[in-house]
Amino acid sequence: MAEVGNVADWRGKPLIDCDGERIGKLEDVYVDVETDEPVFGTVKEGLIGRHLTFVPLQGAVASPEGLQVGISKGQIESAPNIKSEGELGQQDESELYHHFELNYVAPGIPSGRRLAKR
């Protein structure tokens, strides 16, 4: 679980990896539909055919410098890419959770999706 504060204040803040290296600016925050806790944030990458890169926010710490996450930039760069126009589907969610070695169980709701954008 991330040290929350006000999640709305996180947008536009720099994301910093566990080694202090800048990842990019936080675009959106995705929360768990059952707990309303922040689980992933996104940064945009690429000049042509921009895509969203998801960054796990578990254990993230907010500071005046930005939001520091507990993984390396390399782990983030190797994450599955989601097209910025696309909606995050259940298969995409599952891939993200597995890439970052997080436990994934689809919730028992009609959409079958665990994450919601805030």
N, C-alpha and C. Protein backbone atom coordinates (compact mmCIF):
# COMPACT_ATOMS: atom_id res chain seq x y z
N MET A 1 0.84 -1.18 0.00
CA MET A 1 0.00 0.00 0.00
C MET A 1 0.89 1.24 0.00
N ALA A 2 0.53 2.23 -0.79
CA ALA A 2 1.27 3.48 -0.85
C ALA A 2 0.92 4.35 0.35
N GLU A 3 1.87 5.19 0.77
CA GLU A 3 1.57 6.20 1.77
C GLU A 3 0.79 7.29 1.04
N VAL A 4 -0.51 7.35 1.32
CA VAL A 4 -1.42 8.03 0.44
C VAL A 4 -1.35 9.55 0.45
N GLY A 5 -1.77 10.23 1.51
CA GLY A 5 -1.92 11.67 1.42
C GLY A 5 -3.11 11.94 0.51
N ASN A 6 -3.00 12.90 -0.39
CA ASN A 6 -4.07 13.19 -1.34
C ASN A 6 -3.63 12.75 -2.73
N VAL A 7 -4.19 11.65 -3.22
CA VAL A 7 -3.80 11.07 -4.50
C VAL A 7 -3.99 12.07 -5.65
N ALA A 8 -4.99 12.93 -5.57
CA ALA A 8 -5.22 13.92 -6.63
C ALA A 8 -4.02 14.86 -6.76
N ASP A 9 -3.30 15.09 -5.68
CA ASP A 9 -2.12 15.96 -5.71
C ASP A 9 -0.92 15.31 -6.38
N TRP A 10 -0.97 14.01 -6.63
CA TRP A 10 0.15 13.29 -7.22
C TRP A 10 0.29 13.56 -8.71
N ARG A 11 -0.79 13.84 -9.42
CA ARG A 11 -0.72 14.03 -10.88
C ARG A 11 0.27 15.13 -11.23
N GLY A 12 1.09 14.84 -12.23
CA GLY A 12 2.09 15.81 -12.68
C GLY A 12 3.37 15.81 -11.88
N LYS A 13 3.40 15.09 -10.78
CA LYS A 13 4.61 15.02 -9.95
C LYS A 13 5.62 14.07 -10.59
N PRO A 14 6.90 14.35 -10.40
CA PRO A 14 7.92 13.42 -10.91
C PRO A 14 7.84 12.07 -10.20
N LEU A 15 7.99 10.99 -10.97
CA LEU A 15 8.13 9.65 -10.39
C LEU A 15 9.62 9.35 -10.35
N ILE A 16 10.06 8.81 -9.22
CA ILE A 16 11.48 8.54 -9.00
C ILE A 16 11.61 7.07 -8.62
N ASP A 17 12.59 6.37 -9.23
CA ASP A 17 12.73 4.95 -8.93
C ASP A 17 13.46 4.73 -7.61
N CYS A 18 13.66 3.47 -7.25
CA CYS A 18 14.27 3.14 -5.96
C CYS A 18 15.71 3.60 -5.84
N ASP A 19 16.36 3.90 -6.97
CA ASP A 19 17.75 4.36 -6.96
C ASP A 19 17.86 5.87 -7.08
N GLY A 20 16.71 6.58 -7.07
CA GLY A 20 16.71 8.04 -7.17
C GLY A 20 16.70 8.56 -8.59
N GLU A 21 16.54 7.67 -9.59
CA GLU A 21 16.53 8.09 -10.99
C GLU A 21 15.11 8.49 -11.41
N ARG A 22 15.02 9.57 -12.14
CA ARG A 22 13.72 10.07 -12.59
C ARG A 22 13.15 9.15 -13.66
N ILE A 23 11.86 8.81 -13.54
CA ILE A 23 11.16 7.95 -14.48
C ILE A 23 10.35 8.79 -15.46
N GLY A 24 9.68 9.80 -14.99
CA GLY A 24 8.80 10.64 -15.79
C GLY A 24 7.79 11.29 -14.87
N LYS A 25 6.79 11.96 -15.46
CA LYS A 25 5.75 12.59 -14.67
C LYS A 25 4.53 11.68 -14.58
N LEU A 26 3.94 11.65 -13.40
CA LEU A 26 2.76 10.82 -13.17
C LEU A 26 1.58 11.38 -13.96
N GLU A 27 0.98 10.52 -14.79
CA GLU A 27 -0.19 10.90 -15.60
C GLU A 27 -1.49 10.60 -14.85
N ASP A 28 -1.69 9.34 -14.50
CA ASP A 28 -2.93 8.89 -13.87
C ASP A 28 -2.62 7.92 -12.74
N VAL A 29 -3.60 7.78 -11.86
CA VAL A 29 -3.51 6.83 -10.75
C VAL A 29 -4.65 5.83 -10.89
N TYR A 30 -4.32 4.55 -10.79
CA TYR A 30 -5.30 3.47 -10.83
C TYR A 30 -5.40 2.87 -9.43
N VAL A 31 -6.63 2.73 -8.94
CA VAL A 31 -6.86 2.20 -7.61
C VAL A 31 -7.52 0.83 -7.69
N ASP A 32 -7.38 0.05 -6.64
CA ASP A 32 -8.04 -1.25 -6.52
C ASP A 32 -9.53 -0.99 -6.30
N VAL A 33 -10.39 -1.62 -7.09
CA VAL A 33 -11.83 -1.37 -7.01
C VAL A 33 -12.43 -1.83 -5.67
N GLU A 34 -11.79 -2.75 -4.99
CA GLU A 34 -12.33 -3.25 -3.73
C GLU A 34 -11.84 -2.46 -2.52
N THR A 35 -10.61 -1.96 -2.57
CA THR A 35 -10.04 -1.27 -1.40
C THR A 35 -9.89 0.23 -1.60
N ASP A 36 -9.97 0.71 -2.84
CA ASP A 36 -9.76 2.11 -3.21
C ASP A 36 -8.34 2.59 -2.91
N GLU A 37 -7.41 1.66 -2.77
CA GLU A 37 -6.00 2.00 -2.54
C GLU A 37 -5.29 2.17 -3.88
N PRO A 38 -4.38 3.15 -3.99
CA PRO A 38 -3.62 3.31 -5.23
C PRO A 38 -2.72 2.10 -5.46
N VAL A 39 -2.77 1.54 -6.69
CA VAL A 39 -1.98 0.35 -7.01
C VAL A 39 -0.96 0.65 -8.11
N PHE A 40 -1.39 1.36 -9.17
CA PHE A 40 -0.50 1.70 -10.28
C PHE A 40 -0.66 3.17 -10.63
N GLY A 41 0.43 3.73 -11.15
CA GLY A 41 0.41 5.04 -11.78
C GLY A 41 0.90 4.85 -13.20
N THR A 42 0.69 5.85 -14.05
CA THR A 42 1.16 5.76 -15.43
C THR A 42 2.06 6.94 -15.78
N VAL A 43 3.00 6.68 -16.68
CA VAL A 43 3.82 7.71 -17.31
C VAL A 43 3.73 7.46 -18.81
N LYS A 44 3.80 8.54 -19.62
CA LYS A 44 3.78 8.38 -21.08
C LYS A 44 5.20 8.31 -21.57
N GLU A 45 5.42 7.39 -22.53
CA GLU A 45 6.74 7.23 -23.13
C GLU A 45 6.61 7.18 -24.63
N GLY A 46 7.71 7.43 -25.31
CA GLY A 46 7.76 7.33 -26.77
C GLY A 46 7.39 8.63 -27.45
N LEU A 47 8.05 8.92 -28.55
CA LEU A 47 7.76 10.13 -29.31
C LEU A 47 6.70 9.88 -30.37
N ILE A 48 6.78 8.72 -31.01
CA ILE A 48 5.80 8.34 -32.03
C ILE A 48 5.05 7.13 -31.47
N GLY A 49 3.75 7.13 -31.60
CA GLY A 49 2.97 6.01 -31.07
C GLY A 49 3.09 5.93 -29.56
N ARG A 50 2.89 7.07 -28.90
CA ARG A 50 3.04 7.12 -27.44
C ARG A 50 2.22 6.03 -26.76
N HIS A 51 2.77 5.53 -25.70
CA HIS A 51 2.10 4.49 -24.94
C HIS A 51 2.22 4.79 -23.45
N LEU A 52 1.34 4.18 -22.69
CA LEU A 52 1.39 4.32 -21.24
C LEU A 52 2.25 3.22 -20.65
N THR A 53 3.07 3.59 -19.71
CA THR A 53 3.82 2.61 -18.96
C THR A 53 3.29 2.66 -17.54
N PHE A 54 2.93 1.50 -17.02
CA PHE A 54 2.38 1.42 -15.67
C PHE A 54 3.49 1.19 -14.66
N VAL A 55 3.36 1.86 -13.53
CA VAL A 55 4.35 1.81 -12.46
C VAL A 55 3.62 1.42 -11.18
N PRO A 56 4.05 0.35 -10.49
CA PRO A 56 3.40 -0.01 -9.24
C PRO A 56 3.64 1.06 -8.18
N LEU A 57 2.60 1.39 -7.44
CA LEU A 57 2.70 2.42 -6.41
C LEU A 57 2.76 1.85 -4.99
N GLN A 58 2.75 0.53 -4.87
CA GLN A 58 2.82 -0.06 -3.54
C GLN A 58 4.12 0.34 -2.87
N GLY A 59 4.01 0.89 -1.67
CA GLY A 59 5.18 1.34 -0.93
C GLY A 59 5.73 2.67 -1.38
N ALA A 60 5.04 3.37 -2.30
CA ALA A 60 5.50 4.68 -2.77
C ALA A 60 5.45 5.69 -1.63
N VAL A 61 6.41 6.62 -1.68
CA VAL A 61 6.49 7.65 -0.65
C VAL A 61 6.49 9.01 -1.34
N ALA A 62 5.53 9.87 -0.95
CA ALA A 62 5.44 11.23 -1.50
C ALA A 62 6.38 12.14 -0.73
N SER A 63 7.06 13.02 -1.48
CA SER A 63 7.95 14.01 -0.88
C SER A 63 7.89 15.27 -1.74
N PRO A 64 8.51 16.36 -1.30
CA PRO A 64 8.52 17.57 -2.14
C PRO A 64 9.19 17.35 -3.50
N GLU A 65 10.11 16.37 -3.61
CA GLU A 65 10.81 16.10 -4.87
C GLU A 65 9.95 15.29 -5.84
N GLY A 66 8.96 14.58 -5.34
CA GLY A 66 8.12 13.75 -6.19
C GLY A 66 7.62 12.54 -5.44
N LEU A 67 7.35 11.50 -6.21
CA LEU A 67 6.82 10.26 -5.65
C LEU A 67 7.84 9.15 -5.92
N GLN A 68 8.44 8.63 -4.86
CA GLN A 68 9.45 7.59 -5.04
C GLN A 68 8.81 6.22 -4.90
N VAL A 69 9.06 5.36 -5.92
CA VAL A 69 8.52 4.01 -5.93
C VAL A 69 9.62 3.01 -5.58
N GLY A 70 9.22 1.81 -5.21
CA GLY A 70 10.17 0.82 -4.71
C GLY A 70 10.76 -0.11 -5.75
N ILE A 71 10.73 0.26 -7.02
CA ILE A 71 11.32 -0.58 -8.06
C ILE A 71 12.25 0.25 -8.94
N SER A 72 13.03 -0.44 -9.78
CA SER A 72 14.01 0.25 -10.61
C SER A 72 13.41 0.71 -11.94
N LYS A 73 14.07 1.68 -12.54
CA LYS A 73 13.65 2.17 -13.86
C LYS A 73 13.69 1.04 -14.89
N GLY A 74 14.67 0.16 -14.78
CA GLY A 74 14.78 -0.99 -15.70
C GLY A 74 13.57 -1.89 -15.63
N GLN A 75 13.07 -2.16 -14.42
CA GLN A 75 11.87 -2.99 -14.27
C GLN A 75 10.67 -2.31 -14.93
N ILE A 76 10.61 -1.01 -14.80
CA ILE A 76 9.49 -0.25 -15.37
C ILE A 76 9.59 -0.25 -16.90
N GLU A 77 10.79 -0.05 -17.43
CA GLU A 77 10.97 -0.02 -18.88
C GLU A 77 10.66 -1.36 -19.54
N SER A 78 10.80 -2.45 -18.81
CA SER A 78 10.50 -3.76 -19.38
C SER A 78 9.04 -4.19 -19.18
N ALA A 79 8.23 -3.32 -18.57
CA ALA A 79 6.82 -3.64 -18.32
C ALA A 79 6.04 -3.67 -19.63
N PRO A 80 4.93 -4.41 -19.64
CA PRO A 80 4.07 -4.40 -20.84
C PRO A 80 3.58 -2.98 -21.13
N ASN A 81 3.55 -2.60 -22.39
CA ASN A 81 3.09 -1.27 -22.77
C ASN A 81 1.63 -1.32 -23.18
N ILE A 82 0.90 -0.31 -22.77
CA ILE A 82 -0.52 -0.21 -23.09
C ILE A 82 -0.69 1.05 -23.95
N LYS A 83 -1.35 0.92 -25.10
CA LYS A 83 -1.55 2.10 -25.96
C LYS A 83 -2.37 3.14 -25.21
N SER A 84 -1.96 4.41 -25.35
CA SER A 84 -2.60 5.47 -24.57
C SER A 84 -4.06 5.67 -24.92
N GLU A 85 -4.51 5.29 -26.13
CA GLU A 85 -5.92 5.43 -26.48
C GLU A 85 -6.75 4.28 -25.94
N GLY A 86 -6.09 3.19 -25.64
CA GLY A 86 -6.81 1.98 -25.25
C GLY A 86 -7.27 1.99 -23.81
N GLU A 87 -8.28 1.18 -23.54
CA GLU A 87 -8.75 1.00 -22.18
C GLU A 87 -8.00 -0.17 -21.58
N LEU A 88 -7.72 -0.09 -20.32
CA LEU A 88 -7.03 -1.16 -19.62
C LEU A 88 -8.02 -2.30 -19.38
N GLY A 89 -7.83 -3.41 -20.08
CA GLY A 89 -8.72 -4.55 -19.95
C GLY A 89 -8.23 -5.54 -18.92
N GLN A 90 -9.02 -6.57 -18.68
CA GLN A 90 -8.68 -7.57 -17.67
C GLN A 90 -7.37 -8.29 -18.01
N GLN A 91 -7.15 -8.62 -19.29
CA GLN A 91 -5.90 -9.29 -19.69
C GLN A 91 -4.70 -8.38 -19.44
N ASP A 92 -4.84 -7.07 -19.77
CA ASP A 92 -3.76 -6.11 -19.51
C ASP A 92 -3.43 -6.04 -18.02
N GLU A 93 -4.49 -5.98 -17.20
CA GLU A 93 -4.28 -5.95 -15.75
C GLU A 93 -3.49 -7.16 -15.28
N SER A 94 -3.92 -8.33 -15.73
CA SER A 94 -3.26 -9.57 -15.32
C SER A 94 -1.78 -9.55 -15.70
N GLU A 95 -1.47 -9.11 -16.92
CA GLU A 95 -0.07 -9.03 -17.36
C GLU A 95 0.74 -8.09 -16.49
N LEU A 96 0.17 -6.94 -16.14
CA LEU A 96 0.88 -5.98 -15.29
C LEU A 96 1.18 -6.56 -13.91
N TYR A 97 0.17 -7.13 -13.31
CA TYR A 97 0.35 -7.72 -11.97
C TYR A 97 1.42 -8.80 -12.01
N HIS A 98 1.38 -9.66 -13.03
CA HIS A 98 2.36 -10.74 -13.10
C HIS A 98 3.76 -10.22 -13.41
N HIS A 99 3.88 -9.21 -14.27
CA HIS A 99 5.20 -8.64 -14.58
C HIS A 99 5.88 -8.13 -13.31
N PHE A 100 5.11 -7.46 -12.47
CA PHE A 100 5.68 -6.88 -11.25
C PHE A 100 5.58 -7.81 -10.05
N GLU A 101 5.22 -9.09 -10.31
CA GLU A 101 5.15 -10.12 -9.29
C GLU A 101 4.21 -9.74 -8.15
N LEU A 102 3.05 -9.21 -8.52
CA LEU A 102 2.00 -8.87 -7.56
C LEU A 102 0.89 -9.91 -7.70
N ASN A 103 0.23 -10.22 -6.61
CA ASN A 103 -0.86 -11.19 -6.63
C ASN A 103 -2.06 -10.62 -7.37
N TYR A 104 -2.55 -11.32 -8.40
CA TYR A 104 -3.70 -10.86 -9.16
C TYR A 104 -4.85 -11.84 -9.06
N VAL A 105 -5.99 -11.34 -8.59
CA VAL A 105 -7.24 -12.11 -8.57
C VAL A 105 -8.31 -11.17 -9.09
N ALA A 106 -8.97 -11.54 -10.17
CA ALA A 106 -10.03 -10.69 -10.73
C ALA A 106 -11.18 -10.59 -9.71
N PRO A 107 -11.71 -9.39 -9.52
CA PRO A 107 -12.81 -9.23 -8.56
C PRO A 107 -14.12 -9.79 -9.11
N GLY A 108 -15.04 -10.07 -8.23
CA GLY A 108 -16.32 -10.63 -8.63
C GLY A 108 -17.32 -9.54 -9.00
N ILE A 109 -16.95 -8.67 -9.92
CA ILE A 109 -17.86 -7.62 -10.39
C ILE A 109 -18.05 -7.81 -11.89
N PRO A 110 -19.13 -7.25 -12.47
CA PRO A 110 -19.43 -7.50 -13.89
C PRO A 110 -18.28 -7.20 -14.86
N SER A 111 -17.50 -6.14 -14.61
CA SER A 111 -16.41 -5.81 -15.55
C SER A 111 -15.26 -6.82 -15.45
N GLY A 112 -15.12 -7.47 -14.28
CA GLY A 112 -14.03 -8.40 -14.08
C GLY A 112 -12.69 -7.72 -13.93
N ARG A 113 -12.67 -6.38 -13.86
CA ARG A 113 -11.42 -5.63 -13.77
C ARG A 113 -11.16 -5.23 -12.33
N ARG A 114 -9.92 -5.27 -11.94
CA ARG A 114 -9.50 -4.93 -10.58
C ARG A 114 -9.18 -3.44 -10.44
N LEU A 115 -8.76 -2.78 -11.52
CA LEU A 115 -8.28 -1.40 -11.43
C LEU A 115 -9.27 -0.39 -12.00
N ALA A 116 -9.31 0.78 -11.36
CA ALA A 116 -10.13 1.89 -11.86
C ALA A 116 -9.28 3.16 -11.81
N LYS A 117 -9.40 3.98 -12.84
CA LYS A 117 -8.63 5.22 -12.90
C LYS A 117 -9.28 6.26 -12.01
N ARG A 118 -8.46 6.98 -11.25
CA ARG A 118 -8.95 8.08 -10.40
C ARG A 118 -8.39 9.39 -10.87
